Amino acid sequence: GKDSGVLLNLCIDYIRKHNLKRKIGVFHMDYEIQYNMTIDYVERTFKENQDILDIYHVCVPFRVTTCTLHEFPFYTTDMWDYDFQMEFAQWLHKNKKATRTCCLVGIRTQESHNRWRAIYRKTKERYANYLWSTQITEGVYNLYPIFDWKTTDIWVANGKFKWDYNHLYDLYYQAGISLDRQ
């Protein structure tokens, strides 16, 4: 999506600007039925940045058994995508023998009440007391660094920094769909 794309571009720019000698893990959930423009964007981004990305391209059949899942022992056939994401974060943390794993999530509270609650819920553990963080389990956190951005901020960033993006949004715009509905 547009938010995740901007968040990934921010991270890529930061790593390159500061010449960091590290990779950032990128989790891409492939639903097998996506627009070609979405697939093209993901493939372009991954190819152009493979030197700094540790890519987890996951295609999991939710409630359909059509692929091999031996790498993800937590998977069950009745698992929803958001449940898989939470379990994946814990699996990655354990698999990497990490002390702490922070999963950056590109969401904006402007989009829904559920997203707003993810940030402002009072009964949650946080990372370093950051409002925009949520502890998933011991040592594993979701961080939402662009939670307070607006839709227009996303498009200003893409234009200002000349970032690539999913050109499906151009078609939405040409079809008369408002920025907030895309």
Protein backbone atom coordinates (compact mmCIF):
# COMPACT_ATOMS: atom_id res chain seq x y z
CA GLY A 1 0.00 0.00 0.00
CA LYS A 2 0.92 3.64 -0.22
CA ASP A 3 1.72 3.94 3.49
CA SER A 4 3.94 0.85 3.59
CA GLY A 5 5.68 2.00 0.41
CA VAL A 6 6.50 5.40 1.89
CA LEU A 7 7.70 3.85 5.14
CA LEU A 8 9.95 1.46 3.22
CA ASN A 9 11.32 4.33 1.12
CA LEU A 10 12.08 6.31 4.29
CA CYS A 11 14.05 3.36 5.64
CA ILE A 12 15.90 2.76 2.36
CA ASP A 13 16.85 6.44 2.13
CA TYR A 14 18.04 6.49 5.73
CA ILE A 15 20.23 3.41 5.28
CA ARG A 16 21.73 4.76 2.07
CA LYS A 17 22.21 8.34 3.35
CA HIS A 18 24.02 7.14 6.46
CA ASN A 19 25.90 4.40 4.59
CA LEU A 20 24.83 1.79 7.12
CA LYS A 21 26.35 -1.63 6.62
CA ARG A 22 23.21 -3.56 7.41
CA LYS A 23 20.06 -4.91 5.86
CA ILE A 24 16.50 -4.25 6.85
CA GLY A 25 14.04 -7.13 6.89
CA VAL A 26 11.01 -6.61 4.65
CA PHE A 27 7.93 -8.77 5.05
CA HIS A 28 5.73 -8.90 1.95
CA MET A 29 2.54 -10.89 2.15
CA ASP A 30 1.63 -12.04 -1.36
CA TYR A 31 -2.07 -12.78 -1.64
CA GLU A 32 -1.59 -14.37 -5.11
CA ILE A 33 -4.38 -12.25 -6.51
CA GLN A 34 -3.15 -8.69 -6.77
CA TYR A 35 -3.09 -6.05 -9.44
CA ASN A 36 -0.17 -6.31 -11.87
CA MET A 37 0.88 -2.77 -10.98
CA THR A 38 1.19 -3.80 -7.34
CA ILE A 39 3.30 -6.82 -8.22
CA ASP A 40 5.45 -4.70 -10.57
CA TYR A 41 6.04 -2.10 -7.85
CA VAL A 42 7.04 -4.70 -5.26
CA GLU A 43 9.37 -6.48 -7.68
CA ARG A 44 11.00 -3.18 -8.78
CA THR A 45 11.56 -2.07 -5.22
CA PHE A 46 13.01 -5.40 -4.14
CA LYS A 47 15.29 -5.67 -7.18
CA GLU A 48 16.61 -2.10 -6.91
CA ASN A 49 17.38 -2.49 -3.22
CA GLN A 50 18.36 -6.13 -2.83
CA ASP A 51 21.74 -5.07 -1.44
CA ILE A 52 20.11 -3.64 1.71
CA LEU A 53 16.88 -5.68 1.98
CA ASP A 54 16.44 -9.03 3.69
CA ILE A 55 13.22 -10.02 1.90
CA TYR A 56 10.55 -12.32 3.30
CA HIS A 57 8.19 -12.77 0.36
CA VAL A 58 5.47 -14.91 1.90
CA CYS A 59 2.62 -16.41 -0.08
CA VAL A 60 0.38 -18.25 2.35
CA PRO A 61 -3.00 -19.71 1.44
CA PHE A 62 -5.39 -18.68 4.15
CA ARG A 63 -7.87 -21.48 4.57
CA VAL A 64 -6.59 -23.06 1.34
CA THR A 65 -3.80 -25.63 1.36
CA THR A 66 -1.87 -24.97 -1.85
CA CYS A 67 1.72 -24.38 -0.81
CA THR A 68 4.57 -25.70 1.32
CA LEU A 69 4.71 -24.23 4.78
CA HIS A 70 7.43 -26.21 6.51
CA GLU A 71 9.32 -23.00 7.37
CA PHE A 72 6.42 -21.61 9.42
CA PRO A 73 5.49 -24.19 12.06
CA PHE A 74 3.00 -21.76 13.62
CA TYR A 75 0.80 -21.67 10.50
CA THR A 76 -2.69 -23.17 10.56
CA THR A 77 -5.16 -23.36 7.68
CA ASP A 78 -7.73 -21.20 9.49
CA MET A 79 -5.29 -18.37 10.22
CA TRP A 80 -6.14 -14.81 9.16
CA ASP A 81 -3.47 -12.63 7.58
CA TYR A 82 -3.10 -10.34 10.60
CA ASP A 83 -2.68 -13.36 12.87
CA PHE A 84 0.02 -14.66 10.53
CA GLN A 85 1.82 -11.31 10.68
CA MET A 86 1.90 -11.39 14.48
CA GLU A 87 3.12 -15.00 14.55
CA PHE A 88 5.67 -14.24 11.80
CA ALA A 89 7.19 -11.45 13.92
CA GLN A 90 7.63 -13.83 16.83
CA TRP A 91 9.02 -16.55 14.55
CA LEU A 92 11.53 -14.11 13.01
CA HIS A 93 12.61 -12.90 16.45
CA LYS A 94 13.25 -16.45 17.59
CA ASN A 95 14.81 -17.55 14.27
CA LYS A 96 17.29 -14.62 14.33
CA LYS A 97 17.99 -15.18 18.04
CA ALA A 98 17.30 -11.50 18.50
CA THR A 99 17.32 -9.58 21.74
CA ARG A 100 14.70 -7.20 20.36
CA THR A 101 12.71 -7.16 17.13
CA CYS A 102 10.92 -4.03 15.99
CA CYS A 103 8.47 -4.41 13.12
CA LEU A 104 7.81 -1.13 11.33
CA VAL A 105 4.19 -0.92 10.18
CA GLY A 106 3.02 1.70 7.69
CA ILE A 107 -0.38 2.74 9.00
CA ARG A 108 -1.99 6.12 9.52
CA THR A 109 -4.63 6.70 12.17
CA GLN A 110 -6.51 8.91 9.70
CA GLU A 111 -7.69 5.78 7.88
CA SER A 112 -9.71 4.01 10.55
CA HIS A 113 -10.77 3.87 14.16
CA ASN A 114 -9.01 0.50 14.57
CA ARG A 115 -5.73 2.07 13.47
CA TRP A 116 -6.30 4.97 15.84
CA ARG A 117 -6.88 2.48 18.68
CA ALA A 118 -3.60 0.68 17.84
CA ILE A 119 -1.80 3.89 18.77
CA TYR A 120 -3.89 5.46 21.50
CA ARG A 121 -5.04 2.39 23.44
CA LYS A 122 -4.07 2.94 27.05
CA THR A 123 -3.79 -0.71 28.07
CA LYS A 124 -0.70 -1.77 26.16
CA GLU A 125 2.98 -2.21 26.75
CA ARG A 126 5.18 0.07 24.66
CA TYR A 127 8.75 0.19 23.46
CA ALA A 128 10.72 2.87 25.31
CA ASN A 129 7.36 4.46 26.19
CA TYR A 130 6.83 5.57 22.58
CA LEU A 131 3.15 6.28 21.98
CA TRP A 132 3.49 4.82 18.48
CA SER A 133 4.65 1.38 19.62
CA THR A 134 2.96 -1.78 20.84
CA GLN A 135 4.55 -4.80 22.44
CA ILE A 136 3.49 -8.03 20.74
CA THR A 137 5.37 -10.36 23.05
CA GLU A 138 8.57 -10.28 25.08
CA GLY A 139 11.20 -8.52 22.96
CA VAL A 140 8.91 -8.07 19.91
CA TYR A 141 7.26 -4.74 19.08
CA ASN A 142 5.24 -3.12 16.33
CA LEU A 143 6.28 0.47 15.62
CA TYR A 144 4.04 2.85 13.67
CA PRO A 145 6.32 5.82 12.83
CA ILE A 146 4.00 7.50 10.29
CA PHE A 147 0.82 7.10 12.36
CA ASP A 148 0.19 10.86 12.38
CA TRP A 149 0.71 11.45 8.65
CA LYS A 150 -2.20 12.42 6.43
CA THR A 151 -2.93 11.08 2.94
CA THR A 152 -1.54 14.28 1.45
CA ASP A 153 1.73 13.76 3.39
CA ILE A 154 2.19 10.42 1.65
CA TRP A 155 1.88 11.96 -1.81
CA VAL A 156 3.99 15.01 -0.94
CA ALA A 157 6.78 12.69 0.25
CA ASN A 158 6.60 10.59 -2.93
CA GLY A 159 6.81 13.74 -5.06
CA LYS A 160 9.40 15.62 -3.02
CA PHE A 161 11.82 12.71 -2.78
CA LYS A 162 10.97 11.29 -6.23
CA TRP A 163 10.22 7.86 -4.77
CA ASP A 164 8.80 5.06 -6.81
CA TYR A 165 5.28 4.02 -5.83
CA ASN A 166 2.51 1.69 -6.91
CA HIS A 167 1.12 3.32 -10.06
CA LEU A 168 -2.24 1.68 -9.46
CA TYR A 169 -2.95 4.85 -7.45
CA ASP A 170 -2.62 6.88 -10.66
CA LEU A 171 -5.46 4.84 -12.17
CA TYR A 172 -7.58 5.37 -9.05
CA TYR A 173 -6.99 9.10 -9.33
CA GLN A 174 -7.79 9.13 -13.06
CA ALA A 175 -11.01 7.25 -12.30
CA GLY A 176 -12.06 10.06 -9.96
CA ILE A 177 -11.51 8.22 -6.67
CA SER A 178 -10.58 10.72 -3.98
CA LEU A 179 -7.19 10.46 -2.29
CA ASP A 180 -8.82 9.50 1.00
CA ARG A 181 -10.73 6.61 -0.63
CA GLN A 182 -7.82 5.08 -2.52
